[in-house]
Amino acid sequence: MNRRIRVPQVRVIGADGGQLGVLDTSEALRIAEEGGLDLVEVSPKAMPPVCKIMDYGKFKYEDSKKRKDAKKHQSTVTYKEIKFRPKTDAHDLDFKVKHIRRFLSEGNKARLVVIFRGREIVHPETGQAMLKKVVELTSDIAMVEQPPMMEGRRMLMIISPKGGVIHRPATGPGMGAPQPSSPLSAGAAPAPAPRPATAAAPQPQAAPKPAAAPQPKPQPTVSVKPPAK
């Protein structure tokens, strides 16, 4: 850039993108300095080298901003490795296929590995049959990116998700949208609803007792003596 350009002549591109032709380096520098710009070598291996007149500080700033924006929107793809045996049973196979489907739906790729032990290596077709079965069980969301290949005693195959099957969580990996808190906590019984207030029923009053009848007053007794004979 500028005085660090040592070649005697350069092919110059103007600030507006127009061709200025082959000029002496000193003349190209003079034109760049008169415009308050820099002379930047953009193709050093050309004959003669190609230089462009530009605002180098502004160019670096815009380039850095573009890189940050691209990195912000860049999605990271992770490889999930799932291991099988040539004779993996049906239950274990179903369990691993469920994991593979979840990995693929999150936008990851699955590396399927069949491990051979002992004399199993002389029958690679058993490993191919196992991988083929996995591909059939995930054919609705997956496609083969790398066909089966042997690496020592391991047979490898890579499958990736098809377009339109990726469902990334909205709030982060492995997390769903926040749910509103429920009044029923785990293990807690619901609180009984309050009963409406009711007016107290009137209590029946006891009937009045009848008045006692007046008792007659005792009369004095009079003793009558018989007449004397």
Protein backbone atom coordinates (compact mmCIF):
# COMPACT_ATOMS: atom_id res chain seq x y z
CA MET A 1 0.00 0.00 0.00
CA ASN A 2 1.20 3.50 -0.93
CA ARG A 3 4.99 3.92 -0.44
CA ARG A 4 5.47 0.22 0.24
CA ILE A 5 4.79 -0.60 -3.42
CA ARG A 6 8.28 -1.16 -4.87
CA VAL A 7 7.57 -2.00 -8.53
CA PRO A 8 8.22 0.79 -11.04
CA GLN A 9 4.91 0.52 -12.90
CA VAL A 10 1.40 -0.63 -11.97
CA ARG A 11 -1.94 -1.03 -13.68
CA VAL A 12 -4.28 1.40 -11.93
CA ILE A 13 -8.02 1.14 -11.23
CA GLY A 14 -9.60 4.46 -10.28
CA ALA A 15 -11.76 5.11 -7.23
CA ASP A 16 -14.85 4.95 -9.45
CA GLY A 17 -13.84 1.55 -10.86
CA GLY A 18 -12.60 2.90 -14.18
CA GLN A 19 -9.35 1.76 -15.77
CA LEU A 20 -6.54 4.36 -15.73
CA GLY A 21 -4.10 2.11 -17.57
CA VAL A 22 -0.44 1.34 -16.80
CA LEU A 23 1.20 4.21 -14.92
CA ASP A 24 4.44 4.83 -13.12
CA THR A 25 4.07 4.04 -9.46
CA SER A 26 5.00 7.61 -8.51
CA GLU A 27 2.31 9.00 -10.81
CA ALA A 28 -0.31 6.61 -9.40
CA LEU A 29 0.64 7.67 -5.88
CA ARG A 30 0.30 11.33 -6.81
CA ILE A 31 -3.22 10.77 -8.19
CA ALA A 32 -4.25 8.86 -5.04
CA GLU A 33 -2.82 11.51 -2.68
CA GLU A 34 -4.52 14.36 -4.55
CA GLY A 35 -7.85 12.67 -3.90
CA GLY A 36 -7.01 11.97 -0.25
CA LEU A 37 -7.07 8.23 -0.93
CA ASP A 38 -4.68 5.26 -0.86
CA LEU A 39 -3.04 3.22 -3.58
CA VAL A 40 -3.60 -0.45 -2.67
CA GLU A 41 -2.09 -3.42 -4.45
CA VAL A 42 -4.92 -5.88 -5.16
CA SER A 43 -3.24 -8.34 -7.57
CA PRO A 44 0.51 -8.54 -6.90
CA LYS A 45 1.13 -11.53 -9.22
CA ALA A 46 -0.16 -9.80 -12.35
CA MET A 47 2.29 -8.29 -14.86
CA PRO A 48 2.36 -5.44 -14.05
CA PRO A 49 0.72 -5.63 -10.60
CA VAL A 50 -2.81 -4.23 -10.34
CA CYS A 51 -3.46 -1.44 -7.85
CA LYS A 52 -6.67 0.31 -6.91
CA ILE A 53 -7.22 3.81 -5.58
CA MET A 54 -9.50 3.61 -2.53
CA ASP A 55 -10.11 4.70 1.04
CA TYR A 56 -8.33 1.81 2.73
CA GLY A 57 -9.57 2.63 6.25
CA LYS A 58 -13.20 2.66 5.09
CA PHE A 59 -12.63 -0.55 3.14
CA LYS A 60 -11.26 -2.34 6.24
CA TYR A 61 -14.18 -1.14 8.37
CA GLU A 62 -16.82 -2.31 5.89
CA ASP A 63 -15.05 -5.63 5.38
CA SER A 64 -14.92 -6.23 9.15
CA LYS A 65 -18.62 -5.38 9.48
CA LYS A 66 -19.53 -7.82 6.69
CA ARG A 67 -17.53 -10.58 8.36
CA LYS A 68 -19.29 -10.03 11.68
CA ASP A 69 -22.72 -10.07 10.03
CA ALA A 70 -21.88 -13.25 8.14
CA LYS A 71 -20.62 -14.91 11.31
CA LYS A 72 -23.76 -13.87 13.19
CA HIS A 73 -26.03 -15.57 10.65
CA GLN A 74 -23.77 -18.58 10.19
CA SER A 75 -25.26 -21.85 11.42
CA THR A 76 -22.99 -24.39 13.07
CA VAL A 77 -23.39 -27.99 11.93
CA THR A 78 -22.42 -30.67 14.45
CA TYR A 79 -21.68 -34.30 13.68
CA LYS A 80 -23.32 -36.80 16.03
CA GLU A 81 -21.70 -40.24 16.00
CA ILE A 82 -23.92 -43.28 16.56
CA LYS A 83 -22.30 -46.70 16.92
CA PHE A 84 -23.82 -50.00 15.83
CA ARG A 85 -22.84 -53.65 15.77
CA PRO A 86 -23.51 -55.95 12.80
CA LYS A 87 -26.09 -57.74 14.97
CA THR A 88 -27.68 -54.88 16.88
CA ASP A 89 -31.03 -56.08 18.22
CA ALA A 90 -34.31 -54.49 17.15
CA HIS A 91 -34.99 -52.71 20.47
CA ASP A 92 -31.56 -51.07 20.56
CA LEU A 93 -31.88 -50.15 16.88
CA ASP A 94 -35.22 -48.39 17.43
CA PHE A 95 -33.78 -46.48 20.38
CA LYS A 96 -30.80 -45.25 18.35
CA VAL A 97 -32.93 -44.35 15.33
CA LYS A 98 -35.04 -42.07 17.57
CA HIS A 99 -31.87 -40.24 18.60
CA ILE A 100 -30.75 -39.95 14.98
CA ARG A 101 -34.09 -38.44 13.96
CA ARG A 102 -33.85 -35.89 16.78
CA PHE A 103 -30.28 -34.94 15.77
CA LEU A 104 -31.32 -34.47 12.15
CA SER A 105 -34.37 -32.37 13.05
CA GLU A 106 -32.03 -29.98 14.94
CA GLY A 107 -29.94 -29.44 11.80
CA ASN A 108 -27.07 -31.77 12.72
CA LYS A 109 -25.52 -34.55 10.68
CA ALA A 110 -25.23 -38.15 11.85
CA ARG A 111 -22.09 -40.25 11.45
CA LEU A 112 -23.15 -43.91 11.52
CA VAL A 113 -20.40 -46.31 12.58
CA VAL A 114 -20.57 -50.11 12.47
CA ILE A 115 -17.82 -51.71 14.59
CA PHE A 116 -16.63 -55.21 13.67
CA ARG A 117 -15.04 -57.53 16.21
CA GLY A 118 -13.13 -60.73 15.67
CA ARG A 119 -14.15 -62.64 12.57
CA GLU A 120 -17.06 -60.30 11.91
CA ILE A 121 -14.72 -58.33 9.67
CA VAL A 122 -14.86 -61.08 7.01
CA HIS A 123 -18.58 -60.37 6.53
CA PRO A 124 -18.81 -56.63 5.75
CA GLU A 125 -22.18 -57.19 4.08
CA THR A 126 -23.72 -57.48 7.57
CA GLY A 127 -22.59 -53.94 8.35
CA GLN A 128 -23.89 -52.67 5.04
CA ALA A 129 -27.26 -54.29 5.74
CA MET A 130 -27.39 -52.56 9.15
CA LEU A 131 -26.64 -49.15 7.64
CA LYS A 132 -29.16 -49.72 4.87
CA LYS A 133 -31.82 -50.47 7.47
CA VAL A 134 -31.07 -47.23 9.32
CA VAL A 135 -31.30 -45.28 6.06
CA GLU A 136 -34.69 -46.85 5.32
CA LEU A 137 -36.01 -45.94 8.78
CA THR A 138 -34.92 -42.28 8.34
CA SER A 139 -35.57 -41.91 4.60
CA ASP A 140 -38.37 -39.38 5.18
CA ILE A 141 -36.03 -36.79 6.79
CA ALA A 142 -32.48 -37.90 5.84
CA MET A 143 -30.32 -38.39 2.79
CA VAL A 144 -26.97 -40.13 2.37
CA GLU A 145 -24.13 -37.62 2.19
CA GLN A 146 -21.26 -40.11 2.27
CA PRO A 147 -21.79 -43.77 1.27
CA PRO A 148 -20.42 -46.58 3.48
CA MET A 149 -16.64 -46.86 3.56
CA MET A 150 -14.23 -48.97 5.62
CA GLU A 151 -11.69 -47.51 8.03
CA GLY A 152 -9.91 -50.42 9.65
CA ARG A 153 -12.53 -52.34 11.61
CA ARG A 154 -15.10 -49.54 11.30
CA MET A 155 -17.60 -48.93 8.53
CA LEU A 156 -18.61 -45.27 8.29
CA MET A 157 -21.52 -43.51 6.63
CA ILE A 158 -22.75 -39.92 6.97
CA ILE A 159 -26.38 -38.85 6.58
CA SER A 160 -27.66 -35.28 6.63
CA PRO A 161 -31.14 -33.76 7.00
CA LYS A 162 -33.28 -33.05 3.97
CA GLY A 163 -34.38 -29.52 3.25
CA GLY A 164 -37.41 -28.33 5.18
CA VAL A 165 -37.14 -30.79 8.08
CA ILE A 166 -35.00 -28.69 10.42
CA HIS A 167 -36.94 -27.40 13.43
CA ARG A 168 -34.65 -25.30 15.60
CA PRO A 169 -35.90 -24.26 19.04
CA ALA A 170 -36.87 -20.60 19.26
CA THR A 171 -35.12 -19.87 22.58
CA GLY A 172 -32.01 -22.04 22.36
CA PRO A 173 -30.75 -25.65 21.77
CA GLY A 174 -32.82 -28.22 23.52
CA MET A 175 -35.23 -25.54 24.94
CA GLY A 176 -38.82 -24.80 24.01
CA ALA A 177 -40.80 -21.61 24.36
CA PRO A 178 -41.44 -20.60 27.98
CA GLN A 179 -44.77 -21.81 29.27
CA PRO A 180 -46.92 -19.80 31.68
CA SER A 181 -46.67 -20.98 35.23
CA SER A 182 -49.48 -23.27 36.30
CA PRO A 183 -51.17 -22.98 39.66
CA LEU A 184 -50.77 -26.74 40.04
CA SER A 185 -47.20 -27.39 41.14
CA ALA A 186 -45.70 -30.83 40.91
CA GLY A 187 -47.08 -32.89 43.76
CA ALA A 188 -49.36 -30.13 45.07
CA ALA A 189 -53.12 -30.60 45.30
CA PRO A 190 -55.42 -27.89 43.89
CA ALA A 191 -56.79 -25.45 46.45
CA PRO A 192 -60.54 -25.86 47.02
CA ALA A 193 -62.72 -23.16 45.53
CA PRO A 194 -64.29 -20.83 48.11
CA ARG A 195 -67.95 -21.55 48.77
CA PRO A 196 -70.44 -18.71 48.33
CA ALA A 197 -71.64 -17.15 51.56
CA THR A 198 -75.22 -18.09 52.44
CA ALA A 199 -77.56 -16.46 54.92
CA ALA A 200 -77.95 -18.40 58.14
CA ALA A 201 -81.31 -20.17 58.36
CA PRO A 202 -83.50 -18.88 61.22
CA GLN A 203 -83.59 -21.24 64.17
CA PRO A 204 -87.12 -22.23 65.33
CA GLN A 205 -87.98 -20.66 68.67
CA ALA A 206 -89.32 -22.85 71.50
CA ALA A 207 -93.05 -22.57 72.14
CA PRO A 208 -93.89 -20.62 75.30
CA LYS A 209 -94.70 -22.78 78.29
CA PRO A 210 -98.33 -22.54 79.54
CA ALA A 211 -98.81 -20.62 82.76
CA ALA A 212 -99.31 -22.79 85.83
CA ALA A 213 -102.87 -22.92 87.18
CA PRO A 214 -103.30 -21.08 90.52
CA GLN A 215 -103.28 -23.42 93.48
CA PRO A 216 -106.29 -23.09 95.96
CA LYS A 217 -105.40 -21.73 99.35
CA PRO A 218 -105.80 -24.24 102.18
CA GLN A 219 -109.02 -23.67 104.26
CA PRO A 220 -108.85 -23.78 108.07
CA THR A 221 -110.42 -26.91 109.54
CA VAL A 222 -113.26 -26.43 112.15
CA SER A 223 -113.95 -29.27 114.53
CA VAL A 224 -117.64 -29.62 115.64
CA LYS A 225 -118.31 -31.33 118.96
CA PRO A 226 -121.49 -33.36 119.33
CA PRO A 227 -124.10 -32.02 121.82
CA ALA A 228 -124.02 -33.45 125.33
CA LYS A 229 -126.79 -35.94 126.18
